Amino acid sequence: MQNSQTLDALKEHRRLIELESFISSHIFSYIKFYDHSYADDHDDNYYLEREWRVIGNVKFDLSDIETVFMPKSFSKRFRADCPTYGSQLTFV
């Protein structure tokens, strides 16, 4: 009886480890926490950030980007940082 209970406990422990691994890699990796006390223009405020979340890197070239949406106040910096970008800029 004791061996059966030990085996059951080990199986349950293994399942919990598998569940923790799944939650960490397939759920928590898609959640972005933020500090609501930051001002909208604070460098560490990512609340307004929108992106697809994938495991690993998404590789692309600047020429792959069709349109960039941004506040007009960022236009000079964007043009300085990306002088070869030649596609659509839309100010919001």
PDB file of N, CA and C in Angstrom:
ATOM      1  N   MET A   1       0.821  -1.198   0.000  1.00  0.00           N
ATOM      2  CA  MET A   1       0.000   0.000   0.000  1.00  0.00           C
ATOM      3  C   MET A   1       0.865   1.262   0.000  1.00  0.00           C
ATOM      4  N   GLN A   2       1.916   1.262   0.817  1.00  0.00           N
ATOM      5  CA  GLN A   2       2.803   2.416   0.908  1.00  0.00           C
ATOM      6  C   GLN A   2       3.470   2.695  -0.437  1.00  0.00           C
ATOM      7  N   ASN A   3       3.928   1.636  -1.132  1.00  0.00           N
ATOM      8  CA  ASN A   3       4.566   1.802  -2.436  1.00  0.00           C
ATOM      9  C   ASN A   3       3.601   2.397  -3.448  1.00  0.00           C
ATOM     10  N   SER A   4       2.354   1.978  -3.409  1.00  0.00           N
ATOM     11  CA  SER A   4       1.332   2.503  -4.311  1.00  0.00           C
ATOM     12  C   SER A   4       1.097   3.989  -4.062  1.00  0.00           C
ATOM     13  N   GLN A   5       1.046   4.380  -2.797  1.00  0.00           N
ATOM     14  CA  GLN A   5       0.845   5.793  -2.460  1.00  0.00           C
ATOM     15  C   GLN A   5       2.050   6.628  -2.878  1.00  0.00           C
ATOM     16  N   THR A   6       3.240   6.078  -2.692  1.00  0.00           N
ATOM     17  CA  THR A   6       4.460   6.781  -3.106  1.00  0.00           C
ATOM     18  C   THR A   6       4.475   6.963  -4.614  1.00  0.00           C
ATOM     19  N   LEU A   7       4.120   5.914  -5.344  1.00  0.00           N
ATOM     20  CA  LEU A   7       4.070   5.988  -6.802  1.00  0.00           C
ATOM     21  C   LEU A   7       3.041   7.019  -7.249  1.00  0.00           C
ATOM     22  N   ASP A   8       1.868   7.017  -6.626  1.00  0.00           N
ATOM     23  CA  ASP A   8       0.836   8.000  -6.959  1.00  0.00           C
ATOM     24  C   ASP A   8       1.320   9.422  -6.673  1.00  0.00           C
ATOM     25  N   ALA A   9       2.014   9.607  -5.556  1.00  0.00           N
ATOM     26  CA  ALA A   9       2.533  10.930  -5.202  1.00  0.00           C
ATOM     27  C   ALA A   9       3.583  11.382  -6.211  1.00  0.00           C
ATOM     28  N   LEU A  10       4.433  10.469  -6.656  1.00  0.00           N
ATOM     29  CA  LEU A  10       5.447  10.810  -7.659  1.00  0.00           C
ATOM     30  C   LEU A  10       4.805  11.185  -8.993  1.00  0.00           C
ATOM     31  N   LYS A  11       3.771  10.444  -9.381  1.00  0.00           N
ATOM     32  CA  LYS A  11       3.057  10.759 -10.622  1.00  0.00           C
ATOM     33  C   LYS A  11       2.395  12.131 -10.527  1.00  0.00           C
ATOM     34  N   GLU A  12       1.789  12.412  -9.376  1.00  0.00           N
ATOM     35  CA  GLU A  12       1.143  13.710  -9.188  1.00  0.00           C
ATOM     36  C   GLU A  12       2.184  14.827  -9.206  1.00  0.00           C
ATOM     37  N   HIS A  13       3.318  14.592  -8.582  1.00  0.00           N
ATOM     38  CA  HIS A  13       4.391  15.585  -8.570  1.00  0.00           C
ATOM     39  C   HIS A  13       4.884  15.852  -9.991  1.00  0.00           C
ATOM     40  N   ARG A  14       5.060  14.790 -10.778  1.00  0.00           N
ATOM     41  CA  ARG A  14       5.494  14.940 -12.166  1.00  0.00           C
ATOM     42  C   ARG A  14       4.473  15.747 -12.964  1.00  0.00           C
ATOM     43  N   ARG A  15       3.197  15.479 -12.763  1.00  0.00           N
ATOM     44  CA  ARG A  15       2.144  16.223 -13.474  1.00  0.00           C
ATOM     45  C   ARG A  15       2.167  17.701 -13.091  1.00  0.00           C
ATOM     46  N   LEU A  16       2.411  17.984 -11.811  1.00  0.00           N
ATOM     47  CA  LEU A  16       2.491  19.378 -11.372  1.00  0.00           C
ATOM     48  C   LEU A  16       3.679  20.092 -12.004  1.00  0.00           C
ATOM     49  N   ILE A  17       4.794  19.403 -12.121  1.00  0.00           N
ATOM     50  CA  ILE A  17       5.966  19.988 -12.780  1.00  0.00           C
ATOM     51  C   ILE A  17       5.663  20.252 -14.253  1.00  0.00           C
ATOM     52  N   GLU A  18       5.006  19.305 -14.920  1.00  0.00           N
ATOM     53  CA  GLU A  18       4.622  19.493 -16.323  1.00  0.00           C
ATOM     54  C   GLU A  18       3.649  20.657 -16.469  1.00  0.00           C
ATOM     55  N   LEU A  19       2.703  20.772 -15.554  1.00  0.00           N
ATOM     56  CA  LEU A  19       1.743  21.872 -15.585  1.00  0.00           C
ATOM     57  C   LEU A  19       2.450  23.208 -15.387  1.00  0.00           C
ATOM     58  N   GLU A  20       3.360  23.262 -14.432  1.00  0.00           N
ATOM     59  CA  GLU A  20       4.111  24.496 -14.192  1.00  0.00           C
ATOM     60  C   GLU A  20       4.916  24.891 -15.429  1.00  0.00           C
ATOM     61  N   SER A  21       5.543  23.924 -16.064  1.00  0.00           N
ATOM     62  CA  SER A  21       6.315  24.188 -17.278  1.00  0.00           C
ATOM     63  C   SER A  21       5.414  24.713 -18.393  1.00  0.00           C
ATOM     64  N   PHE A  22       4.250  24.081 -18.565  1.00  0.00           N
ATOM     65  CA  PHE A  22       3.306  24.521 -19.591  1.00  0.00           C
ATOM     66  C   PHE A  22       2.835  25.947 -19.325  1.00  0.00           C
ATOM     67  N   ILE A  23       2.432  26.226 -18.104  1.00  0.00           N
ATOM     68  CA  ILE A  23       1.933  27.561 -17.758  1.00  0.00           C
ATOM     69  C   ILE A  23       3.022  28.606 -17.962  1.00  0.00           C
ATOM     70  N   SER A  24       4.241  28.291 -17.552  1.00  0.00           N
ATOM     71  CA  SER A  24       5.345  29.244 -17.691  1.00  0.00           C
ATOM     72  C   SER A  24       5.645  29.565 -19.145  1.00  0.00           C
ATOM     73  N   SER A  25       5.700  28.547 -19.991  1.00  0.00           N
ATOM     74  CA  SER A  25       6.102  28.793 -21.371  1.00  0.00           C
ATOM     75  C   SER A  25       4.962  29.140 -22.312  1.00  0.00           C
ATOM     76  N   HIS A  26       3.746  28.690 -22.033  1.00  0.00           N
ATOM     77  CA  HIS A  26       2.650  28.912 -22.975  1.00  0.00           C
ATOM     78  C   HIS A  26       1.612  29.925 -22.502  1.00  0.00           C
ATOM     79  N   ILE A  27       1.685  30.347 -21.275  1.00  0.00           N
ATOM     80  CA  ILE A  27       0.728  31.339 -20.776  1.00  0.00           C
ATOM     81  C   ILE A  27       1.457  32.569 -20.257  1.00  0.00           C
ATOM     82  N   PHE A  28       2.316  32.390 -19.254  1.00  0.00           N
ATOM     83  CA  PHE A  28       2.994  33.545 -18.665  1.00  0.00           C
ATOM     84  C   PHE A  28       3.898  34.267 -19.657  1.00  0.00           C
ATOM     85  N   SER A  29       4.440  33.569 -20.639  1.00  0.00           N
ATOM     86  CA  SER A  29       5.310  34.235 -21.605  1.00  0.00           C
ATOM     87  C   SER A  29       4.531  35.173 -22.528  1.00  0.00           C
ATOM     88  N   TYR A  30       3.207  35.076 -22.525  1.00  0.00           N
ATOM     89  CA  TYR A  30       2.378  35.953 -23.345  1.00  0.00           C
ATOM     90  C   TYR A  30       1.736  37.073 -22.530  1.00  0.00           C
ATOM     91  N   ILE A  31       2.080  37.169 -21.274  1.00  0.00           N
ATOM     92  CA  ILE A  31       1.514  38.197 -20.405  1.00  0.00           C
ATOM     93  C   ILE A  31       2.596  39.220 -20.113  1.00  0.00           C
ATOM     94  N   LYS A  32       2.257  40.480 -20.256  1.00  0.00           N
ATOM     95  CA  LYS A  32       3.221  41.537 -19.963  1.00  0.00           C
ATOM     96  C   LYS A  32       2.686  42.353 -18.804  1.00  0.00           C
ATOM     97  N   PHE A  33       3.408  42.346 -17.719  1.00  0.00           N
ATOM     98  CA  PHE A  33       3.008  43.105 -16.545  1.00  0.00           C
ATOM     99  C   PHE A  33       3.540  44.527 -16.672  1.00  0.00           C
ATOM    100  N   TYR A  34       2.893  45.452 -16.046  1.00  0.00           N
ATOM    101  CA  TYR A  34       3.319  46.845 -16.125  1.00  0.00           C
ATOM    102  C   TYR A  34       3.032  47.532 -14.805  1.00  0.00           C
ATOM    103  N   ASP A  35       3.673  48.669 -14.627  1.00  0.00           N
ATOM    104  CA  ASP A  35       3.475  49.479 -13.431  1.00  0.00           C
ATOM    105  C   ASP A  35       2.553  50.634 -13.808  1.00  0.00           C
ATOM    106  N   HIS A  36       1.332  50.596 -13.343  1.00  0.00           N
ATOM    107  CA  HIS A  36       0.329  51.595 -13.719  1.00  0.00           C
ATOM    108  C   HIS A  36       0.666  52.991 -13.218  1.00  0.00           C
ATOM    109  N   SER A  37       1.625  53.110 -12.319  1.00  0.00           N
ATOM    110  CA  SER A  37       1.948  54.431 -11.781  1.00  0.00           C
ATOM    111  C   SER A  37       2.855  55.239 -12.712  1.00  0.00           C
ATOM    112  N   TYR A  38       3.438  54.597 -13.749  1.00  0.00           N
ATOM    113  CA  TYR A  38       4.284  55.338 -14.686  1.00  0.00           C
ATOM    114  C   TYR A  38       3.441  56.260 -15.563  1.00  0.00           C
ATOM    115  N   ALA A  39       4.002  57.411 -15.886  1.00  0.00           N
ATOM    116  CA  ALA A  39       3.352  58.324 -16.835  1.00  0.00           C
ATOM    117  C   ALA A  39       3.375  57.682 -18.224  1.00  0.00           C
ATOM    118  N   ASP A  40       2.459  58.110 -19.097  1.00  0.00           N
ATOM    119  CA  ASP A  40       2.384  57.535 -20.442  1.00  0.00           C
ATOM    120  C   ASP A  40       3.699  57.653 -21.205  1.00  0.00           C
ATOM    121  N   ASP A  41       4.461  58.707 -20.959  1.00  0.00           N
ATOM    122  CA  ASP A  41       5.700  58.917 -21.707  1.00  0.00           C
ATOM    123  C   ASP A  41       6.946  58.384 -20.989  1.00  0.00           C
ATOM    124  N   HIS A  42       6.768  57.681 -19.878  1.00  0.00           N
ATOM    125  CA  HIS A  42       7.899  57.105 -19.143  1.00  0.00           C
ATOM    126  C   HIS A  42       8.501  55.960 -19.957  1.00  0.00           C
ATOM    127  N   ASP A  43       9.829  55.885 -20.003  1.00  0.00           N
ATOM    128  CA  ASP A  43      10.509  54.859 -20.807  1.00  0.00           C
ATOM    129  C   ASP A  43      10.142  53.428 -20.417  1.00  0.00           C
ATOM    130  N   ASP A  44       9.777  53.209 -19.173  1.00  0.00           N
ATOM    131  CA  ASP A  44       9.439  51.862 -18.719  1.00  0.00           C
ATOM    132  C   ASP A  44       7.942  51.572 -18.737  1.00  0.00           C
ATOM    133  N   ASN A  45       7.142  52.462 -19.304  1.00  0.00           N
ATOM    134  CA  ASN A  45       5.701  52.230 -19.402  1.00  0.00           C
ATOM    135  C   ASN A  45       5.411  51.516 -20.717  1.00  0.00           C
ATOM    136  N   TYR A  46       5.116  50.230 -20.615  1.00  0.00           N
ATOM    137  CA  TYR A  46       4.832  49.428 -21.803  1.00  0.00           C
ATOM    138  C   TYR A  46       3.357  49.074 -21.910  1.00  0.00           C
ATOM    139  N   TYR A  47       2.522  49.732 -21.142  1.00  0.00           N
ATOM    140  CA  TYR A  47       1.104  49.405 -21.135  1.00  0.00           C
ATOM    141  C   TYR A  47       0.494  49.557 -22.521  1.00  0.00           C
ATOM    142  N   LEU A  48       0.909  50.582 -23.261  1.00  0.00           N
ATOM    143  CA  LEU A  48       0.311  50.848 -24.565  1.00  0.00           C
ATOM    144  C   LEU A  48       0.967  50.050 -25.688  1.00  0.00           C
ATOM    145  N   GLU A  49       1.962  49.264 -25.359  1.00  0.00           N
ATOM    146  CA  GLU A  49       2.671  48.479 -26.354  1.00  0.00           C
ATOM    147  C   GLU A  49       1.753  47.406 -26.927  1.00  0.00           C
ATOM    148  N   ARG A  50       1.816  47.234 -28.221  1.00  0.00           N
ATOM    149  CA  ARG A  50       1.044  46.181 -28.885  1.00  0.00           C
ATOM    150  C   ARG A  50       2.018  45.353 -29.707  1.00  0.00           C
ATOM    151  N   GLU A  51       1.952  44.072 -29.555  1.00  0.00           N
ATOM    152  CA  GLU A  51       2.839  43.205 -30.306  1.00  0.00           C
ATOM    153  C   GLU A  51       2.294  41.788 -30.301  1.00  0.00           C
ATOM    154  N   TRP A  52       2.772  40.997 -31.243  1.00  0.00           N
ATOM    155  CA  TRP A  52       2.508  39.570 -31.195  1.00  0.00           C
ATOM    156  C   TRP A  52       3.556  38.962 -30.296  1.00  0.00           C
ATOM    157  N   ARG A  53       3.175  37.983 -29.548  1.00  0.00           N
ATOM    158  CA  ARG A  53       4.137  37.310 -28.674  1.00  0.00           C
ATOM    159  C   ARG A  53       4.402  35.923 -29.246  1.00  0.00           C
ATOM    160  N   VAL A  54       5.651  35.667 -29.468  1.00  0.00           N
ATOM    161  CA  VAL A  54       6.074  34.360 -29.948  1.00  0.00           C
ATOM    162  C   VAL A  54       7.264  33.917 -29.109  1.00  0.00           C
ATOM    163  N   ILE A  55       7.481  32.629 -29.068  1.00  0.00           N
ATOM    164  CA  ILE A  55       8.664  32.118 -28.401  1.00  0.00           C
ATOM    165  C   ILE A  55       9.806  32.215 -29.404  1.00  0.00           C
ATOM    166  N   GLY A  56      10.841  32.916 -29.056  1.00  0.00           N
ATOM    167  CA  GLY A  56      11.973  33.127 -29.955  1.00  0.00           C
ATOM    168  C   GLY A  56      11.882  34.488 -30.626  1.00  0.00           C
ATOM    169  N   ASN A  57      12.768  34.719 -31.553  1.00  0.00           N
ATOM    170  CA  ASN A  57      12.842  36.003 -32.244  1.00  0.00           C
ATOM    171  C   ASN A  57      12.029  35.976 -33.532  1.00  0.00           C
ATOM    172  N   VAL A  58      11.543  37.131 -33.925  1.00  0.00           N
ATOM    173  CA  VAL A  58      10.903  37.305 -35.221  1.00  0.00           C
ATOM    174  C   VAL A  58      11.877  38.133 -36.048  1.00  0.00           C
ATOM    175  N   LYS A  59      12.428  37.535 -37.073  1.00  0.00           N
ATOM    176  CA  LYS A  59      13.427  38.231 -37.882  1.00  0.00           C
ATOM    177  C   LYS A  59      12.753  38.872 -39.087  1.00  0.00           C
ATOM    178  N   PHE A  60      13.105  40.134 -39.325  1.00  0.00           N
ATOM    179  CA  PHE A  60      12.591  40.850 -40.482  1.00  0.00           C
ATOM    180  C   PHE A  60      13.555  41.982 -40.797  1.00  0.00           C
ATOM    181  N   ASP A  61      13.440  42.484 -42.000  1.00  0.00           N
ATOM    182  CA  ASP A  61      14.230  43.632 -42.434  1.00  0.00           C
ATOM    183  C   ASP A  61      13.347  44.867 -42.415  1.00  0.00           C
ATOM    184  N   LEU A  62      13.979  46.021 -42.389  1.00  0.00           N
ATOM    185  CA  LEU A  62      13.232  47.275 -42.417  1.00  0.00           C
ATOM    186  C   LEU A  62      12.342  47.346 -43.661  1.00  0.00           C
ATOM    187  N   SER A  63      12.800  46.761 -44.754  1.00  0.00           N
ATOM    188  CA  SER A  63      12.013  46.776 -45.995  1.00  0.00           C
ATOM    189  C   SER A  63      10.750  45.917 -45.901  1.00  0.00           C
ATOM    190  N   ASP A  64      10.654  45.048 -44.896  1.00  0.00           N
ATOM    191  CA  ASP A  64       9.460  44.221 -44.701  1.00  0.00           C
ATOM    192  C   ASP A  64       8.311  45.002 -44.074  1.00  0.00           C
ATOM    193  N   ILE A  65       8.596  46.161 -43.513  1.00  0.00           N
ATOM    194  CA  ILE A  65       7.577  46.948 -42.810  1.00  0.00           C
ATOM    195  C   ILE A  65       6.851  47.833 -43.809  1.00  0.00           C
ATOM    196  N   GLU A  66       5.538  47.717 -43.849  1.00  0.00           N
ATOM    197  CA  GLU A  66       4.720  48.488 -44.784  1.00  0.00           C
ATOM    198  C   GLU A  66       4.289  49.829 -44.212  1.00  0.00           C
ATOM    199  N   THR A  67       3.886  49.843 -42.939  1.00  0.00           N
ATOM    200  CA  THR A  67       3.360  51.063 -42.319  1.00  0.00           C
ATOM    201  C   THR A  67       3.789  51.116 -40.864  1.00  0.00           C
ATOM    202  N   VAL A  68       4.159  52.309 -40.417  1.00  0.00           N
ATOM    203  CA  VAL A  68       4.463  52.539 -39.007  1.00  0.00           C
ATOM    204  C   VAL A  68       3.473  53.576 -38.498  1.00  0.00           C
ATOM    205  N   PHE A  69       2.789  53.255 -37.404  1.00  0.00           N
ATOM    206  CA  PHE A  69       1.859  54.168 -36.753  1.00  0.00           C
ATOM    207  C   PHE A  69       2.538  54.723 -35.514  1.00  0.00           C
ATOM    208  N   MET A  70       2.497  56.043 -35.361  1.00  0.00           N
ATOM    209  CA  MET A  70       3.137  56.661 -34.198  1.00  0.00           C
ATOM    210  C   MET A  70       2.589  58.062 -33.986  1.00  0.00           C
ATOM    211  N   PRO A  71       2.744  58.570 -32.778  1.00  0.00           N
ATOM    212  CA  PRO A  71       2.398  59.976 -32.548  1.00  0.00           C
ATOM    213  C   PRO A  71       3.359  60.864 -33.340  1.00  0.00           C
ATOM    214  N   LYS A  72       2.879  61.972 -33.819  1.00  0.00           N
ATOM    215  CA  LYS A  72       3.712  62.883 -34.606  1.00  0.00           C
ATOM    216  C   LYS A  72       4.943  63.331 -33.826  1.00  0.00           C
ATOM    217  N   SER A  73       4.827  63.399 -32.512  1.00  0.00           N
ATOM    218  CA  SER A  73       5.953  63.851 -31.693  1.00  0.00           C
ATOM    219  C   SER A  73       7.165  62.911 -31.777  1.00  0.00           C
ATOM    220  N   PHE A  74       6.978  61.698 -32.270  1.00  0.00           N
ATOM    221  CA  PHE A  74       8.089  60.756 -32.413  1.00  0.00           C
ATOM    222  C   PHE A  74       8.710  60.785 -33.811  1.00  0.00           C
ATOM    223  N   SER A  75       8.158  61.573 -34.719  1.00  0.00           N
ATOM    224  CA  SER A  75       8.575  61.503 -36.120  1.00  0.00           C
ATOM    225  C   SER A  75      10.043  61.858 -36.335  1.00  0.00           C
ATOM    226  N   LYS A  76      10.541  62.905 -35.704  1.00  0.00           N
ATOM    227  CA  LYS A  76      11.949  63.289 -35.911  1.00  0.00           C
ATOM    228  C   LYS A  76      12.893  62.200 -35.420  1.00  0.00           C
ATOM    229  N   ARG A  77      12.602  61.654 -34.251  1.00  0.00           N
ATOM    230  CA  ARG A  77      13.475  60.597 -33.731  1.00  0.00           C
ATOM    231  C   ARG A  77      13.411  59.361 -34.622  1.00  0.00           C
ATOM    232  N   PHE A  78      12.214  59.000 -35.079  1.00  0.00           N
ATOM    233  CA  PHE A  78      12.089  57.831 -35.948  1.00  0.00           C
ATOM    234  C   PHE A  78      12.906  58.027 -37.216  1.00  0.00           C
ATOM    235  N   ARG A  79      12.787  59.190 -37.821  1.00  0.00           N
ATOM    236  CA  ARG A  79      13.534  59.454 -39.058  1.00  0.00           C
ATOM    237  C   ARG A  79      15.037  59.445 -38.808  1.00  0.00           C
ATOM    238  N   ALA A  80      15.463  59.914 -37.634  1.00  0.00           N
ATOM    239  CA  ALA A  80      16.890  59.878 -37.291  1.00  0.00           C
ATOM    240  C   ALA A  80      17.360  58.440 -37.054  1.00  0.00           C
ATOM    241  N   ASP A  81      16.528  57.644 -36.386  1.00  0.00           N
ATOM    242  CA  ASP A  81      16.895  56.256 -36.073  1.00  0.00           C
ATOM    243  C   ASP A  81      16.781  55.322 -37.273  1.00  0.00           C
ATOM    244  N   CYS A  82      15.872  55.631 -38.191  1.00  0.00           N
ATOM    245  CA  CYS A  82      15.615  54.754 -39.346  1.00  0.00           C
ATOM    246  C   CYS A  82      15.648  55.566 -40.640  1.00  0.00           C
ATOM    247  N   PRO A  83      16.795  56.127 -41.004  1.00  0.00           N
ATOM    248  CA  PRO A  83      16.841  57.016 -42.171  1.00  0.00           C
ATOM    249  C   PRO A  83      16.547  56.324 -43.497  1.00  0.00           C
ATOM    250  N   THR A  84      16.689  55.003 -43.563  1.00  0.00           N
ATOM    251  CA  THR A  84      16.432  54.301 -44.827  1.00  0.00           C
ATOM    252  C   THR A  84      14.994  53.813 -44.957  1.00  0.00           C
ATOM    253  N   TYR A  85      14.171  54.029 -43.931  1.00  0.00           N
ATOM    254  CA  TYR A  85      12.771  53.601 -44.018  1.00  0.00           C
ATOM    255  C   TYR A  85      12.059  54.464 -45.048  1.00  0.00           C
ATOM    256  N   GLY A  86      11.466  53.825 -46.047  1.00  0.00           N
ATOM    257  CA  GLY A  86      10.834  54.577 -47.120  1.00  0.00           C
ATOM    258  C   GLY A  86       9.361  54.286 -47.308  1.00  0.00           C
ATOM    259  N   SER A  87       8.762  53.528 -46.416  1.00  0.00           N
ATOM    260  CA  SER A  87       7.344  53.195 -46.562  1.00  0.00           C
ATOM    261  C   SER A  87       6.477  54.174 -45.788  1.00  0.00           C
ATOM    262  N   GLN A  88       5.227  53.825 -45.610  1.00  0.00           N
ATOM    263  CA  GLN A  88       4.208  54.705 -45.030  1.00  0.00           C
ATOM    264  C   GLN A  88       4.457  55.016 -43.556  1.00  0.00           C
ATOM    265  N   LEU A  89       4.358  56.293 -43.204  1.00  0.00           N
ATOM    266  CA  LEU A  89       4.315  56.741 -41.811  1.00  0.00           C
ATOM    267  C   LEU A  89       2.936  57.327 -41.584  1.00  0.00           C
ATOM    268  N   THR A  90       2.256  56.866 -40.564  1.00  0.00           N
ATOM    269  CA  THR A  90       0.934  57.383 -40.237  1.00  0.00           C
ATOM    270  C   THR A  90       0.966  57.899 -38.813  1.00  0.00           C
ATOM    271  N   PHE A  91       0.588  59.153 -38.661  1.00  0.00           N
ATOM    272  CA  PHE A  91       0.610  59.771 -37.341  1.00  0.00           C
ATOM    273  C   PHE A  91      -0.762  59.670 -36.700  1.00  0.00           C
ATOM    274  N   VAL A  92      -0.767  59.268 -35.455  1.00  0.00           N
ATOM    275  CA  VAL A  92      -2.030  59.082 -34.731  1.00  0.00           C
ATOM    276  C   VAL A  92      -2.071  59.956 -33.506  1.00  0.00           C
TER     277      VAL A  92
END
